[in-house]
Amino acid sequence: MESMPKYFFNIVLNGQPTVDGRGQIFPDESAARAHAGHLTLLLADRCRDPINSFVAVSGMDGCLVFKVAFQPSEPQA
C-alpha cells in the first residue's frame, strides 16, 4: 500500500516568509493545491503586497511542487 504524500505550505506574505516545519498529508497534489488556495483566502485580509505574497508548496524532498498566488483584494467601497 502506497502512503499519501506530505506537503509543506510555506507562506510568503508581503515578502515575509513563514516556513512550515510540520507539513500535512494529502491524498494528491490536487487536494494540496485546494488547501493552499484556502490558506490564501484565510490570510487575504492581511495581504498588502499581492506581488510578494504566495504559498510555496514543497514535498518531502524540499523541492517546490507549486505556488499559489494571493489575489489582489477588491478596494473597499
N, C-alpha and C. Protein backbone atom coordinates (compact mmCIF):
# COMPACT_ATOMS: atom_id res chain seq x y z
N MET A 1 0.83 -1.18 0.00
CA MET A 1 0.00 0.00 0.00
C MET A 1 0.88 1.25 0.00
N GLU A 2 0.59 2.16 -0.92
CA GLU A 2 1.39 3.37 -1.06
C GLU A 2 0.91 4.42 -0.05
N SER A 3 1.85 5.07 0.62
CA SER A 3 1.47 6.09 1.60
C SER A 3 1.18 7.41 0.89
N MET A 4 0.35 8.21 1.53
CA MET A 4 -0.01 9.50 0.95
C MET A 4 1.15 10.48 1.15
N PRO A 5 1.32 11.38 0.17
CA PRO A 5 2.44 12.32 0.26
C PRO A 5 2.20 13.43 1.28
N LYS A 6 3.30 13.93 1.83
CA LYS A 6 3.26 15.05 2.76
C LYS A 6 3.68 16.30 2.02
N TYR A 7 2.94 17.37 2.23
CA TYR A 7 3.21 18.66 1.61
C TYR A 7 3.49 19.70 2.68
N PHE A 8 4.38 20.63 2.37
CA PHE A 8 4.75 21.71 3.28
C PHE A 8 4.29 23.03 2.65
N PHE A 9 3.53 23.80 3.43
CA PHE A 9 2.90 25.03 2.95
C PHE A 9 3.65 26.24 3.51
N ASN A 10 4.64 26.68 2.77
CA ASN A 10 5.47 27.81 3.16
C ASN A 10 4.81 29.09 2.67
N ILE A 11 4.42 29.93 3.59
CA ILE A 11 3.65 31.13 3.25
C ILE A 11 4.59 32.32 3.18
N VAL A 12 4.51 33.07 2.09
CA VAL A 12 5.21 34.34 1.96
C VAL A 12 4.12 35.40 1.88
N LEU A 13 4.04 36.23 2.91
CA LEU A 13 3.00 37.25 3.00
C LEU A 13 3.67 38.61 3.07
N ASN A 14 3.41 39.44 2.07
CA ASN A 14 4.02 40.77 1.97
C ASN A 14 5.55 40.68 2.00
N GLY A 15 6.08 39.64 1.37
CA GLY A 15 7.52 39.45 1.28
C GLY A 15 8.15 38.78 2.49
N GLN A 16 7.36 38.49 3.53
CA GLN A 16 7.87 37.87 4.75
C GLN A 16 7.57 36.37 4.77
N PRO A 17 8.59 35.52 4.73
CA PRO A 17 8.35 34.07 4.68
C PRO A 17 8.05 33.46 6.05
N THR A 18 7.18 32.49 6.04
CA THR A 18 6.92 31.64 7.20
C THR A 18 7.08 30.20 6.72
N VAL A 19 8.03 29.49 7.29
CA VAL A 19 8.33 28.13 6.86
C VAL A 19 7.48 27.13 7.64
N ASP A 20 6.87 26.22 6.91
CA ASP A 20 6.08 25.15 7.51
C ASP A 20 7.02 24.01 7.88
N GLY A 21 7.27 23.82 9.15
CA GLY A 21 8.17 22.78 9.60
C GLY A 21 7.51 21.43 9.86
N ARG A 22 6.17 21.40 9.79
CA ARG A 22 5.45 20.16 10.10
C ARG A 22 4.90 19.46 8.87
N GLY A 23 4.30 20.22 7.96
CA GLY A 23 3.70 19.63 6.77
C GLY A 23 2.37 18.98 7.08
N GLN A 24 1.67 18.62 6.01
CA GLN A 24 0.38 17.93 6.13
C GLN A 24 0.28 16.88 5.04
N ILE A 25 -0.42 15.82 5.36
CA ILE A 25 -0.60 14.72 4.41
C ILE A 25 -1.90 14.94 3.63
N PHE A 26 -1.79 14.82 2.30
CA PHE A 26 -2.95 14.91 1.42
C PHE A 26 -2.90 13.76 0.44
N PRO A 27 -4.05 13.35 -0.07
CA PRO A 27 -4.06 12.20 -0.97
C PRO A 27 -3.36 12.46 -2.30
N ASP A 28 -3.35 13.72 -2.76
CA ASP A 28 -2.73 14.03 -4.04
C ASP A 28 -2.46 15.53 -4.15
N GLU A 29 -1.80 15.91 -5.24
CA GLU A 29 -1.44 17.31 -5.46
C GLU A 29 -2.66 18.21 -5.58
N SER A 30 -3.71 17.70 -6.16
CA SER A 30 -4.94 18.49 -6.32
C SER A 30 -5.52 18.90 -4.97
N ALA A 31 -5.54 17.99 -4.03
CA ALA A 31 -6.05 18.30 -2.68
C ALA A 31 -5.12 19.28 -1.97
N ALA A 32 -3.82 19.14 -2.16
CA ALA A 32 -2.86 20.06 -1.56
C ALA A 32 -3.02 21.45 -2.18
N ARG A 33 -3.26 21.52 -3.48
CA ARG A 33 -3.46 22.81 -4.16
C ARG A 33 -4.72 23.49 -3.63
N ALA A 34 -5.78 22.74 -3.40
CA ALA A 34 -7.02 23.30 -2.85
C ALA A 34 -6.77 23.86 -1.46
N HIS A 35 -5.97 23.15 -0.65
CA HIS A 35 -5.65 23.63 0.70
C HIS A 35 -4.84 24.93 0.63
N ALA A 36 -3.88 25.00 -0.27
CA ALA A 36 -3.07 26.21 -0.43
C ALA A 36 -3.96 27.39 -0.85
N GLY A 37 -4.92 27.14 -1.73
CA GLY A 37 -5.86 28.20 -2.12
C GLY A 37 -6.68 28.66 -0.94
N HIS A 38 -7.08 27.72 -0.09
CA HIS A 38 -7.85 28.06 1.11
C HIS A 38 -7.01 28.93 2.05
N LEU A 39 -5.74 28.63 2.18
CA LEU A 39 -4.85 29.44 3.03
C LEU A 39 -4.78 30.88 2.52
N THR A 40 -4.73 31.07 1.20
CA THR A 40 -4.68 32.44 0.67
C THR A 40 -5.97 33.19 0.99
N LEU A 41 -7.09 32.49 0.99
CA LEU A 41 -8.36 33.14 1.34
C LEU A 41 -8.40 33.51 2.82
N LEU A 42 -7.89 32.62 3.67
CA LEU A 42 -7.88 32.89 5.12
C LEU A 42 -7.00 34.09 5.47
N LEU A 43 -5.93 34.29 4.72
CA LEU A 43 -4.98 35.36 5.02
C LEU A 43 -5.14 36.59 4.13
N ALA A 44 -6.14 36.60 3.27
CA ALA A 44 -6.30 37.68 2.29
C ALA A 44 -6.40 39.06 2.93
N ASP A 45 -7.03 39.16 4.09
CA ASP A 45 -7.19 40.47 4.73
C ASP A 45 -5.87 41.04 5.24
N ARG A 46 -4.85 40.20 5.36
CA ARG A 46 -3.52 40.66 5.81
C ARG A 46 -2.60 40.99 4.64
N CYS A 47 -3.01 40.64 3.43
CA CYS A 47 -2.17 40.80 2.26
C CYS A 47 -2.21 42.25 1.77
N ARG A 48 -1.06 42.92 1.86
CA ARG A 48 -0.93 44.30 1.40
C ARG A 48 -0.10 44.38 0.12
N ASP A 49 0.63 43.31 -0.19
CA ASP A 49 1.54 43.29 -1.33
C ASP A 49 1.35 41.98 -2.10
N PRO A 50 0.29 41.90 -2.94
CA PRO A 50 -0.01 40.63 -3.63
C PRO A 50 1.11 40.11 -4.52
N ILE A 51 1.94 41.00 -5.04
CA ILE A 51 3.03 40.56 -5.92
C ILE A 51 4.05 39.75 -5.12
N ASN A 52 4.22 40.08 -3.85
CA ASN A 52 5.18 39.38 -2.99
C ASN A 52 4.49 38.53 -1.93
N SER A 53 3.34 37.96 -2.30
CA SER A 53 2.59 37.10 -1.37
C SER A 53 2.13 35.86 -2.11
N PHE A 54 2.46 34.70 -1.57
CA PHE A 54 2.08 33.43 -2.19
C PHE A 54 2.30 32.30 -1.19
N VAL A 55 1.75 31.14 -1.53
CA VAL A 55 2.02 29.92 -0.77
C VAL A 55 2.88 29.04 -1.67
N ALA A 56 4.09 28.74 -1.21
CA ALA A 56 5.00 27.87 -1.94
C ALA A 56 4.90 26.48 -1.31
N VAL A 57 4.42 25.54 -2.07
CA VAL A 57 4.20 24.19 -1.55
C VAL A 57 5.34 23.27 -2.01
N SER A 58 5.98 22.64 -1.04
CA SER A 58 7.08 21.74 -1.35
C SER A 58 6.75 20.33 -0.85
N GLY A 59 7.50 19.38 -1.38
CA GLY A 59 7.33 17.99 -0.98
C GLY A 59 8.32 17.61 0.11
N MET A 60 8.35 16.34 0.45
CA MET A 60 9.25 15.82 1.48
C MET A 60 10.71 16.09 1.16
N ASP A 61 11.05 16.15 -0.13
CA ASP A 61 12.43 16.38 -0.54
C ASP A 61 12.83 17.86 -0.48
N GLY A 62 11.87 18.73 -0.13
CA GLY A 62 12.14 20.15 -0.04
C GLY A 62 12.02 20.89 -1.36
N CYS A 63 11.78 20.16 -2.44
CA CYS A 63 11.66 20.80 -3.75
C CYS A 63 10.26 21.39 -3.93
N LEU A 64 10.22 22.55 -4.58
CA LEU A 64 8.96 23.21 -4.86
C LEU A 64 8.09 22.34 -5.76
N VAL A 65 6.83 22.15 -5.36
CA VAL A 65 5.88 21.41 -6.16
C VAL A 65 5.03 22.39 -6.98
N PHE A 66 4.55 23.45 -6.31
CA PHE A 66 3.80 24.51 -6.99
C PHE A 66 3.67 25.71 -6.06
N LYS A 67 3.22 26.83 -6.65
CA LYS A 67 2.93 28.05 -5.88
C LYS A 67 1.49 28.45 -6.15
N VAL A 68 0.86 29.04 -5.14
CA VAL A 68 -0.48 29.61 -5.29
C VAL A 68 -0.37 31.07 -4.87
N ALA A 69 -0.71 31.97 -5.78
CA ALA A 69 -0.59 33.40 -5.52
C ALA A 69 -1.80 33.91 -4.76
N PHE A 70 -1.59 34.96 -3.99
CA PHE A 70 -2.69 35.69 -3.38
C PHE A 70 -3.32 36.54 -4.47
N GLN A 71 -4.62 36.67 -4.44
CA GLN A 71 -5.31 37.52 -5.41
C GLN A 71 -5.41 38.92 -4.81
N PRO A 72 -5.20 39.94 -5.64
CA PRO A 72 -5.38 41.31 -5.12
C PRO A 72 -6.79 41.47 -4.59
N SER A 73 -6.92 42.07 -3.41
CA SER A 73 -8.25 42.26 -2.84
C SER A 73 -8.92 43.46 -3.50
N GLU A 74 -10.23 43.38 -3.54
CA GLU A 74 -11.02 44.47 -4.11
C GLU A 74 -11.00 45.65 -3.14
N PRO A 75 -10.88 46.88 -3.66
CA PRO A 75 -10.94 48.02 -2.76
C PRO A 75 -12.28 48.11 -2.05
N GLN A 76 -12.23 48.51 -0.79
CA GLN A 76 -13.47 48.62 -0.01
C GLN A 76 -14.23 49.86 -0.44
N ALA A 77 -15.53 49.72 -0.63
CA ALA A 77 -16.35 50.85 -1.06
C ALA A 77 -16.84 51.65 0.14
